[in-house]
Protein backbone atom coordinates (compact mmCIF):
# COMPACT_ATOMS: atom_id res chain seq x y z
CA MET A 1 168.61 -56.33 -69.17
CA VAL A 2 166.21 -58.32 -71.16
CA ALA A 3 162.54 -57.20 -70.94
CA HIS A 4 159.84 -59.86 -70.86
CA VAL A 5 156.57 -59.09 -72.32
CA VAL A 6 153.41 -60.12 -70.58
CA ASN A 7 149.89 -59.56 -71.85
CA VAL A 8 147.34 -58.84 -69.13
CA PRO A 9 143.74 -58.46 -69.99
CA PHE A 10 141.97 -55.51 -68.39
CA PRO A 11 138.33 -54.62 -68.68
CA ALA A 12 138.00 -51.64 -71.21
CA GLY A 13 136.83 -49.13 -68.66
CA LEU A 14 139.71 -49.92 -66.38
CA ALA A 15 142.24 -49.70 -69.09
CA GLN A 16 140.89 -46.30 -70.07
CA GLU A 17 140.86 -45.00 -66.60
CA LEU A 18 144.56 -46.22 -66.12
CA GLU A 19 145.63 -44.66 -69.43
CA ALA A 20 144.08 -41.32 -68.26
CA ARG A 21 145.79 -41.56 -64.85
CA ALA A 22 149.07 -42.49 -66.43
CA ALA A 23 148.91 -39.54 -68.88
CA LYS A 24 148.05 -37.15 -65.98
CA ALA A 25 151.03 -38.47 -64.09
CA GLY A 26 153.25 -38.02 -67.24
CA MET A 27 153.90 -41.73 -67.65
CA SER A 28 153.06 -44.34 -70.18
CA LEU A 29 150.58 -46.96 -69.24
CA GLN A 30 153.26 -49.66 -68.66
CA THR A 31 155.39 -47.34 -66.59
CA TYR A 32 152.33 -46.40 -64.53
CA ILE A 33 151.29 -49.91 -63.76
CA ALA A 34 154.90 -50.72 -62.80
CA PHE A 35 154.97 -47.68 -60.66
CA LEU A 36 151.78 -48.72 -58.85
CA ALA A 37 153.07 -52.25 -58.27
CA ARG A 38 156.34 -50.97 -56.89
CA VAL A 39 154.48 -48.48 -54.59
CA ASP A 40 152.24 -51.23 -53.29
CA ILE A 41 155.17 -53.63 -52.78
CA ARG A 42 157.36 -51.19 -50.86
CA ARG A 43 154.52 -49.30 -49.17
CA HIS A 44 155.84 -45.69 -50.03
CA ASP A 45 154.67 -42.67 -48.21
CA PRO A 46 151.87 -40.78 -50.25
CA ALA A 47 153.99 -37.68 -50.32
CA PHE A 48 156.81 -39.69 -51.96
CA VAL A 49 154.31 -40.91 -54.58
CA ALA A 50 153.08 -37.57 -55.30
CA ALA A 51 156.65 -36.24 -55.72
CA VAL A 52 157.57 -38.97 -58.14
CA GLN A 53 154.50 -38.34 -60.21
CA HIS A 54 155.34 -34.74 -60.30
CA LEU A 55 158.93 -35.34 -61.37
CA PHE A 56 157.76 -37.74 -64.14
CA LYS A 57 155.35 -35.11 -65.42
CA LYS A 58 157.75 -32.18 -65.24
CA TYR A 59 161.03 -33.91 -66.25
CA PRO A 60 160.35 -37.07 -68.16
CA GLU A 61 163.44 -37.23 -70.10
CA SER A 62 165.79 -36.61 -67.30
CA LEU A 63 164.20 -39.42 -65.21
CA ARG A 64 164.39 -41.77 -68.19
CA LYS A 65 168.13 -41.02 -68.63
CA LEU A 66 168.67 -41.57 -64.83
CA ALA A 67 166.85 -44.98 -65.11
CA GLU A 68 169.18 -46.20 -67.83
C-alpha cells in the first residue's frame, strides 16, 4: 500500500488541542485524525469509539501489528 502525504493547515490552537486529544487516546495525531474521519463517515456508536480509544491507549503495539 502506498501512502500519499497531504499537508493540511490547522490553526495553532486547534492543532495543539487535537495533539493533546490524540495523546490522551494513545494515538499519533495522524492516526487520530484518520480515526475521527472514519468514525464520522461510518457513524460508529459512541461506546465503540470509546472502546477503540481505550484499546489504542492500552495495547498500541498489538493494534499496529493487527493493522499491518
